[in-house]
C-alpha atoms as a PDB file:
ATOM      1  CA  MET A   1      11.939  31.655  72.406  1.00  0.00           C
ATOM      2  CA  THR A   2      11.546  29.774  69.116  1.00  0.00           C
ATOM      3  CA  ASP A   3      10.558  26.139  69.502  1.00  0.00           C
ATOM      4  CA  SER A   4      12.633  23.497  67.770  1.00  0.00           C
ATOM      5  CA  PRO A   5      11.803  19.957  66.639  1.00  0.00           C
ATOM      6  CA  THR A   6      13.305  17.056  68.510  1.00  0.00           C
ATOM      7  CA  THR A   7      16.691  16.208  66.967  1.00  0.00           C
ATOM      8  CA  GLY A   8      16.953  12.860  65.252  1.00  0.00           C
ATOM      9  CA  SER A   9      13.213  12.288  64.783  1.00  0.00           C
ATOM     10  CA  ALA A  10      11.784  11.606  61.349  1.00  0.00           C
ATOM     11  CA  PHE A  11       8.455  11.769  59.571  1.00  0.00           C
ATOM     12  CA  GLY A  12       8.399   8.145  58.483  1.00  0.00           C
ATOM     13  CA  ARG A  13      12.064   8.770  57.573  1.00  0.00           C
ATOM     14  CA  LYS A  14      11.700  12.425  56.572  1.00  0.00           C
ATOM     15  CA  GLN A  15      10.078  15.576  57.917  1.00  0.00           C
ATOM     16  CA  PRO A  16       6.743  16.598  56.319  1.00  0.00           C
ATOM     17  CA  ARG A  17       7.294  19.455  53.869  1.00  0.00           C
ATOM     18  CA  PHE A  18       3.655  20.516  53.638  1.00  0.00           C
ATOM     19  CA  ILE A  19       1.410  20.397  56.712  1.00  0.00           C
ATOM     20  CA  ALA A  20      -2.278  21.394  56.683  1.00  0.00           C
ATOM     21  CA  VAL A  21      -4.046  22.054  59.982  1.00  0.00           C
ATOM     22  CA  GLU A  22      -7.818  21.618  59.943  1.00  0.00           C
ATOM     23  CA  GLY A  23     -10.795  21.611  62.270  1.00  0.00           C
ATOM     24  CA  PRO A  24     -13.962  23.543  63.126  1.00  0.00           C
ATOM     25  CA  ILE A  25     -14.059  27.203  64.063  1.00  0.00           C
ATOM     26  CA  GLY A  26     -12.627  27.857  67.524  1.00  0.00           C
ATOM     27  CA  VAL A  27     -10.492  24.720  67.691  1.00  0.00           C
ATOM     28  CA  GLY A  28      -7.219  26.651  67.315  1.00  0.00           C
ATOM     29  CA  LYS A  29      -6.010  25.655  63.857  1.00  0.00           C
ATOM     30  CA  THR A  30      -4.632  29.074  62.885  1.00  0.00           C
ATOM     31  CA  SER A  31      -2.749  29.478  66.162  1.00  0.00           C
ATOM     32  CA  LEU A  32      -1.254  26.002  65.811  1.00  0.00           C
ATOM     33  CA  ALA A  33      -0.329  26.616  62.156  1.00  0.00           C
ATOM     34  CA  ARG A  34       1.515  29.793  63.138  1.00  0.00           C
ATOM     35  CA  ARG A  35       3.428  28.011  65.874  1.00  0.00           C
ATOM     36  CA  LEU A  36       4.359  25.070  63.663  1.00  0.00           C
ATOM     37  CA  ALA A  37       5.583  27.455  60.965  1.00  0.00           C
ATOM     38  CA  GLU A  38       7.818  29.135  63.525  1.00  0.00           C
ATOM     39  CA  THR A  39       9.076  25.815  64.908  1.00  0.00           C
ATOM     40  CA  PHE A  40       9.994  24.338  61.525  1.00  0.00           C
ATOM     41  CA  ASN A  41      10.871  27.672  59.895  1.00  0.00           C
ATOM     42  CA  TYR A  42       8.210  27.063  57.231  1.00  0.00           C
ATOM     43  CA  ASP A  43       6.260  29.478  55.050  1.00  0.00           C
ATOM     44  CA  ILE A  44       2.671  29.917  56.185  1.00  0.00           C
ATOM     45  CA  LEU A  45      -0.552  30.023  54.175  1.00  0.00           C
ATOM     46  CA  LEU A  46      -3.614  31.250  56.078  1.00  0.00           C
ATOM     47  CA  GLU A  47      -7.309  31.612  55.505  1.00  0.00           C
ATOM     48  CA  LYS A  48      -8.332  35.255  55.713  1.00  0.00           C
ATOM     49  CA  PRO A  49     -11.883  35.323  57.083  1.00  0.00           C
ATOM     50  CA  GLU A  50     -11.530  39.005  57.969  1.00  0.00           C
ATOM     51  CA  GLU A  51     -11.505  39.754  54.214  1.00  0.00           C
ATOM     52  CA  ASN A  52     -14.903  38.119  53.639  1.00  0.00           C
ATOM     53  CA  PRO A  53     -17.530  40.917  53.692  1.00  0.00           C
ATOM     54  CA  PHE A  54     -20.367  38.381  53.874  1.00  0.00           C
ATOM     55  CA  LEU A  55     -19.182  36.414  56.923  1.00  0.00           C
ATOM     56  CA  GLU A  56     -20.767  38.592  59.597  1.00  0.00           C
ATOM     57  CA  ARG A  57     -24.053  38.518  57.694  1.00  0.00           C
ATOM     58  CA  PHE A  58     -23.828  34.731  57.548  1.00  0.00           C
ATOM     59  CA  TYR A  59     -23.392  34.424  61.305  1.00  0.00           C
ATOM     60  CA  ASP A  60     -26.302  36.824  61.806  1.00  0.00           C
ATOM     61  CA  ASN A  61     -28.573  35.114  59.266  1.00  0.00           C
ATOM     62  CA  PRO A  62     -27.113  31.837  57.935  1.00  0.00           C
ATOM     63  CA  ARG A  63     -29.967  31.188  55.540  1.00  0.00           C
ATOM     64  CA  GLN A  64     -29.528  34.466  53.673  1.00  0.00           C
ATOM     65  CA  GLY A  65     -25.748  34.802  53.809  1.00  0.00           C
ATOM     66  CA  ALA A  66     -24.548  31.264  53.123  1.00  0.00           C
ATOM     67  CA  LEU A  67     -24.103  31.277  49.346  1.00  0.00           C
ATOM     68  CA  ALA A  68     -22.270  34.610  49.089  1.00  0.00           C
ATOM     69  CA  THR A  69     -20.022  33.656  52.014  1.00  0.00           C
ATOM     70  CA  GLN A  70     -19.199  30.268  50.532  1.00  0.00           C
ATOM     71  CA  LEU A  71     -18.463  31.582  47.052  1.00  0.00           C
ATOM     72  CA  PHE A  72     -16.207  34.329  48.416  1.00  0.00           C
ATOM     73  CA  PHE A  73     -14.138  31.770  50.327  1.00  0.00           C
ATOM     74  CA  LEU A  74     -13.980  29.520  47.263  1.00  0.00           C
ATOM     75  CA  PHE A  75     -12.673  32.349  45.061  1.00  0.00           C
ATOM     76  CA  GLN A  76     -10.276  33.472  47.781  1.00  0.00           C
ATOM     77  CA  ARG A  77      -8.743  30.018  48.224  1.00  0.00           C
ATOM     78  CA  THR A  78      -8.539  29.475  44.480  1.00  0.00           C
ATOM     79  CA  ARG A  79      -6.714  32.791  44.111  1.00  0.00           C
ATOM     80  CA  GLN A  80      -4.270  31.851  46.876  1.00  0.00           C
ATOM     81  CA  ILE A  81      -3.436  28.594  45.101  1.00  0.00           C
ATOM     82  CA  GLN A  82      -2.995  30.405  41.778  1.00  0.00           C
ATOM     83  CA  ASP A  83      -0.660  32.901  43.443  1.00  0.00           C
ATOM     84  CA  LEU A  84       1.412  30.030  44.773  1.00  0.00           C
ATOM     85  CA  ARG A  85       1.773  28.627  41.280  1.00  0.00           C
ATOM     86  CA  GLN A  86       2.752  31.996  39.825  1.00  0.00           C
ATOM     87  CA  ASP A  87       5.356  32.513  42.530  1.00  0.00           C
ATOM     88  CA  ASP A  88       6.629  28.948  42.109  1.00  0.00           C
ATOM     89  CA  LEU A  89       6.245  28.263  45.811  1.00  0.00           C
ATOM     90  CA  PHE A  90       5.188  24.643  45.586  1.00  0.00           C
ATOM     91  CA  GLU A  91       8.652  23.332  46.370  1.00  0.00           C
ATOM     92  CA  PRO A  92       9.415  25.230  49.596  1.00  0.00           C
ATOM     93  CA  VAL A  93       8.087  23.888  52.876  1.00  0.00           C
ATOM     94  CA  ARG A  94       4.899  25.350  54.323  1.00  0.00           C
ATOM     95  CA  VAL A  95       2.076  25.124  56.856  1.00  0.00           C
ATOM     96  CA  ALA A  96      -1.536  26.004  55.971  1.00  0.00           C
ATOM     97  CA  ASP A  97      -4.535  26.464  58.248  1.00  0.00           C
ATOM     98  CA  PHE A  98      -6.966  25.102  55.658  1.00  0.00           C
ATOM     99  CA  LEU A  99      -7.439  22.215  53.268  1.00  0.00           C
ATOM    100  CA  ILE A 100      -9.280  23.225  50.120  1.00  0.00           C
ATOM    101  CA  ASP A 101     -10.805  19.741  49.877  1.00  0.00           C
ATOM    102  CA  LYS A 102     -13.000  20.616  52.874  1.00  0.00           C
ATOM    103  CA  ASP A 103     -14.624  23.527  51.015  1.00  0.00           C
ATOM    104  CA  GLN A 104     -17.357  21.167  49.869  1.00  0.00           C
ATOM    105  CA  LEU A 105     -17.951  20.205  53.503  1.00  0.00           C
ATOM    106  CA  PHE A 106     -19.103  23.734  54.343  1.00  0.00           C
ATOM    107  CA  ALA A 107     -21.091  23.999  51.123  1.00  0.00           C
ATOM    108  CA  ARG A 108     -23.095  20.870  51.897  1.00  0.00           C
ATOM    109  CA  GLN A 109     -23.562  22.016  55.489  1.00  0.00           C
ATOM    110  CA  ASN A 110     -24.766  25.557  54.796  1.00  0.00           C
ATOM    111  CA  LEU A 111     -26.419  25.669  51.360  1.00  0.00           C
ATOM    112  CA  ASP A 112     -29.846  24.486  50.262  1.00  0.00           C
ATOM    113  CA  GLN A 113     -30.057  22.126  47.304  1.00  0.00           C
ATOM    114  CA  ASP A 114     -30.415  24.801  44.599  1.00  0.00           C
ATOM    115  CA  GLU A 115     -27.551  26.838  46.070  1.00  0.00           C
ATOM    116  CA  TYR A 116     -25.369  23.766  46.368  1.00  0.00           C
ATOM    117  CA  THR A 117     -26.015  22.869  42.731  1.00  0.00           C
ATOM    118  CA  LEU A 118     -24.935  26.375  41.716  1.00  0.00           C
ATOM    119  CA  TYR A 119     -21.884  26.174  43.968  1.00  0.00           C
ATOM    120  CA  GLN A 120     -20.862  22.851  42.378  1.00  0.00           C
ATOM    121  CA  GLN A 121     -21.185  24.334  38.891  1.00  0.00           C
ATOM    122  CA  VAL A 122     -18.896  27.209  39.873  1.00  0.00           C
ATOM    123  CA  TYR A 123     -16.428  24.860  41.575  1.00  0.00           C
ATOM    124  CA  GLU A 124     -16.224  22.610  38.523  1.00  0.00           C
ATOM    125  CA  HIS A 125     -15.430  25.563  36.235  1.00  0.00           C
ATOM    126  CA  LEU A 126     -12.551  26.769  38.378  1.00  0.00           C
ATOM    127  CA  THR A 127      -9.034  25.478  37.892  1.00  0.00           C
ATOM    128  CA  ILE A 128      -8.073  24.203  41.339  1.00  0.00           C
ATOM    129  CA  ASP A 129      -4.809  22.290  41.272  1.00  0.00           C
ATOM    130  CA  ALA A 130      -3.769  22.385  44.897  1.00  0.00           C
ATOM    131  CA  PRO A 131      -0.740  20.495  46.232  1.00  0.00           C
ATOM    132  CA  THR A 132      -1.473  17.513  48.457  1.00  0.00           C
ATOM    133  CA  PRO A 133      -0.165  17.890  52.014  1.00  0.00           C
ATOM    134  CA  ASP A 134       2.303  15.373  53.384  1.00  0.00           C
ATOM    135  CA  LEU A 135       0.400  15.550  56.669  1.00  0.00           C
ATOM    136  CA  VAL A 136      -3.039  16.798  57.701  1.00  0.00           C
ATOM    137  CA  ILE A 137      -3.574  17.567  61.384  1.00  0.00           C
ATOM    138  CA  TYR A 138      -7.266  17.461  62.269  1.00  0.00           C
ATOM    139  CA  LEU A 139      -7.986  19.140  65.605  1.00  0.00           C
ATOM    140  CA  GLN A 140     -11.103  17.924  67.410  1.00  0.00           C
ATOM    141  CA  ALA A 141     -13.008  19.389  70.373  1.00  0.00           C
ATOM    142  CA  PRO A 142     -16.621  19.142  71.614  1.00  0.00           C
ATOM    143  CA  ALA A 143     -19.054  21.927  70.739  1.00  0.00           C
ATOM    144  CA  GLU A 144     -19.062  23.341  74.278  1.00  0.00           C
ATOM    145  CA  VAL A 145     -15.262  23.680  74.193  1.00  0.00           C
ATOM    146  CA  LEU A 146     -15.400  25.380  70.791  1.00  0.00           C
ATOM    147  CA  LEU A 147     -18.080  27.766  72.011  1.00  0.00           C
ATOM    148  CA  HIS A 148     -16.009  28.672  75.081  1.00  0.00           C
ATOM    149  CA  ARG A 149     -12.936  29.375  72.968  1.00  0.00           C
ATOM    150  CA  ILE A 150     -14.948  31.441  70.480  1.00  0.00           C
ATOM    151  CA  HIS A 151     -16.407  33.587  73.251  1.00  0.00           C
ATOM    152  CA  LYS A 152     -12.997  33.919  74.904  1.00  0.00           C
ATOM    153  CA  ARG A 153     -11.346  35.396  71.808  1.00  0.00           C
ATOM    154  CA  GLY A 154     -14.165  37.912  71.516  1.00  0.00           C
ATOM    155  CA  ILE A 155     -14.509  38.450  67.771  1.00  0.00           C
ATOM    156  CA  ALA A 156     -17.712  40.437  67.309  1.00  0.00           C
ATOM    157  CA  ALA A 157     -18.832  38.687  64.129  1.00  0.00           C
ATOM    158  CA  GLU A 158     -18.693  35.285  65.873  1.00  0.00           C
ATOM    159  CA  ARG A 159     -21.008  36.157  68.769  1.00  0.00           C
ATOM    160  CA  GLN A 160     -24.029  34.821  66.899  1.00  0.00           C
ATOM    161  CA  ILE A 161     -22.600  31.310  66.482  1.00  0.00           C
ATOM    162  CA  GLN A 162     -24.846  28.752  68.144  1.00  0.00           C
ATOM    163  CA  ARG A 163     -23.907  25.468  69.781  1.00  0.00           C
ATOM    164  CA  GLU A 164     -26.240  23.581  67.430  1.00  0.00           C
ATOM    165  CA  TYR A 165     -24.287  24.877  64.421  1.00  0.00           C
ATOM    166  CA  LEU A 166     -20.988  23.769  65.983  1.00  0.00           C
ATOM    167  CA  GLU A 167     -22.409  20.318  66.674  1.00  0.00           C
ATOM    168  CA  ARG A 168     -23.490  19.962  63.041  1.00  0.00           C
ATOM    169  CA  LEU A 169     -20.085  21.200  61.922  1.00  0.00           C
ATOM    170  CA  ASN A 170     -18.314  18.671  64.140  1.00  0.00           C
ATOM    171  CA  ASP A 171     -20.426  15.884  62.666  1.00  0.00           C
ATOM    172  CA  ALA A 172     -19.587  17.048  59.142  1.00  0.00           C
ATOM    173  CA  TYR A 173     -15.844  17.147  59.900  1.00  0.00           C
ATOM    174  CA  THR A 174     -15.983  13.672  61.469  1.00  0.00           C
ATOM    175  CA  SER A 175     -17.702  12.289  58.386  1.00  0.00           C
ATOM    176  CA  PHE A 176     -15.309  14.067  56.001  1.00  0.00           C
ATOM    177  CA  PHE A 177     -12.137  12.816  57.668  1.00  0.00           C
ATOM    178  CA  HIS A 178     -13.530   9.309  58.124  1.00  0.00           C
ATOM    179  CA  TYR A 179     -13.058   8.870  54.377  1.00  0.00           C
ATOM    180  CA  TYR A 180     -10.007  11.104  53.857  1.00  0.00           C
ATOM    181  CA  ASP A 181      -7.031   9.159  52.486  1.00  0.00           C
ATOM    182  CA  LYS A 182      -5.067  11.559  50.286  1.00  0.00           C
ATOM    183  CA  SER A 183      -2.261  11.996  52.803  1.00  0.00           C
ATOM    184  CA  ALA A 184      -1.178  11.039  56.291  1.00  0.00           C
ATOM    185  CA  LEU A 185      -3.852  12.126  58.778  1.00  0.00           C
ATOM    186  CA  LEU A 186      -3.276  12.847  62.463  1.00  0.00           C
ATOM    187  CA  ILE A 187      -6.507  13.278  64.454  1.00  0.00           C
ATOM    188  CA  VAL A 188      -5.793  15.225  67.643  1.00  0.00           C
ATOM    189  CA  ASN A 189      -8.093  15.432  70.662  1.00  0.00           C
ATOM    190  CA  SER A 190      -7.457  19.050  71.639  1.00  0.00           C
ATOM    191  CA  ALA A 191     -10.256  19.427  74.187  1.00  0.00           C
ATOM    192  CA  GLU A 192      -8.071  19.361  77.312  1.00  0.00           C
ATOM    193  CA  ILE A 193      -4.713  20.551  76.034  1.00  0.00           C
ATOM    194  CA  ASP A 194      -3.279  23.958  75.171  1.00  0.00           C
ATOM    195  CA  LEU A 195      -1.176  23.797  72.027  1.00  0.00           C
ATOM    196  CA  VAL A 196      -0.535  27.533  71.973  1.00  0.00           C
ATOM    197  CA  ASP A 197       0.525  28.546  75.478  1.00  0.00           C
ATOM    198  CA  ASN A 198       1.626  25.259  77.057  1.00  0.00           C
ATOM    199  CA  GLN A 199       5.079  24.180  75.893  1.00  0.00           C
ATOM    200  CA  ASP A 200       4.771  20.599  77.192  1.00  0.00           C
ATOM    201  CA  ASP A 201       1.470  20.005  75.381  1.00  0.00           C
ATOM    202  CA  TYR A 202       2.856  21.504  72.191  1.00  0.00           C
ATOM    203  CA  GLN A 203       6.136  19.569  72.330  1.00  0.00           C
ATOM    204  CA  GLN A 204       4.210  16.303  72.713  1.00  0.00           C
ATOM    205  CA  LEU A 205       2.463  17.070  69.446  1.00  0.00           C
ATOM    206  CA  VAL A 206       5.658  18.092  67.626  1.00  0.00           C
ATOM    207  CA  ASN A 207       7.377  14.883  68.698  1.00  0.00           C
ATOM    208  CA  HIS A 208       4.406  12.897  67.440  1.00  0.00           C
ATOM    209  CA  ILE A 209       4.311  14.744  64.108  1.00  0.00           C
ATOM    210  CA  LEU A 210       7.897  13.740  63.441  1.00  0.00           C
ATOM    211  CA  THR A 211       7.100  10.037  63.743  1.00  0.00           C
ATOM    212  CA  VAL A 212       3.703   9.746  62.039  1.00  0.00           C
ATOM    213  CA  PRO A 213       3.722   7.243  59.136  1.00  0.00           C
ATOM    214  CA  ARG A 214       1.294   7.126  56.225  1.00  0.00           C
ATOM    215  CA  GLY A 215      -2.353   6.446  57.085  1.00  0.00           C
ATOM    216  CA  THR A 216      -4.747   7.674  59.778  1.00  0.00           C
ATOM    217  CA  HIS A 217      -3.528   8.013  63.349  1.00  0.00           C
ATOM    218  CA  TYR A 218      -4.934   9.347  66.617  1.00  0.00           C
ATOM    219  CA  PHE A 219      -3.248  11.510  69.219  1.00  0.00           C
ATOM    220  CA  ASN A 220      -5.022  11.709  72.564  1.00  0.00           C
ATOM    221  CA  PRO A 221      -2.443  13.247  74.925  1.00  0.00           C
ATOM    222  CA  ARG A 222      -2.848  13.770  78.612  1.00  0.00           C
ATOM    223  CA  PRO A 223      -2.956  17.469  79.506  1.00  0.00           C
ATOM    224  CA  SER A 224       0.157  18.864  81.139  1.00  0.00           C
ATOM    225  CA  LEU A 225      -0.037  19.622  84.848  1.00  0.00           C
ATOM    226  CA  LEU A 226       1.888  22.883  84.326  1.00  0.00           C
END
């Protein structure tokens, strides 16, 4: 059954028209983005890691595969934004499972200094004019929870991911969003809740989304007993 927002609620007086869901690998951002798109009847814009031919090599040998992996994702996201402009889709409502601003986060995390300098030169020469979300939902979870969820979904290319990498990634996300102020930001502790398969947990979040004002806010719900 399709979920529906709570009637009469408002996103600081109106519903957010563009929502971006972010967080480290394994936290559930794509699954949540899909469910929100269904709930609000929004278009959806997704990262496509399965299209990146360098990703498996990166997980197997991060030092050798980082630059190619990062540049592929940069070009892919830039192309997606250009396609949106060509199709004139900036006005309709949408949910995305990535925020292009965080691309630099991964670059700083995974590239050495020479590679990062090259990456920055490429980034600066690209025309990236992405729309600013009305709301960013940042999903948090400890590294051990992320690792459990990654192993549970069983994607072969992700089997090489180490806990130490997830811990560094979590630190990088925390630092990035500490200074993020381009749009309303909702930081969600998702460690003990199930936003995909538990209706009560998910509805709590939807109700909260519809009342979040501008600024940074935290959502630390109690897990449902169901």
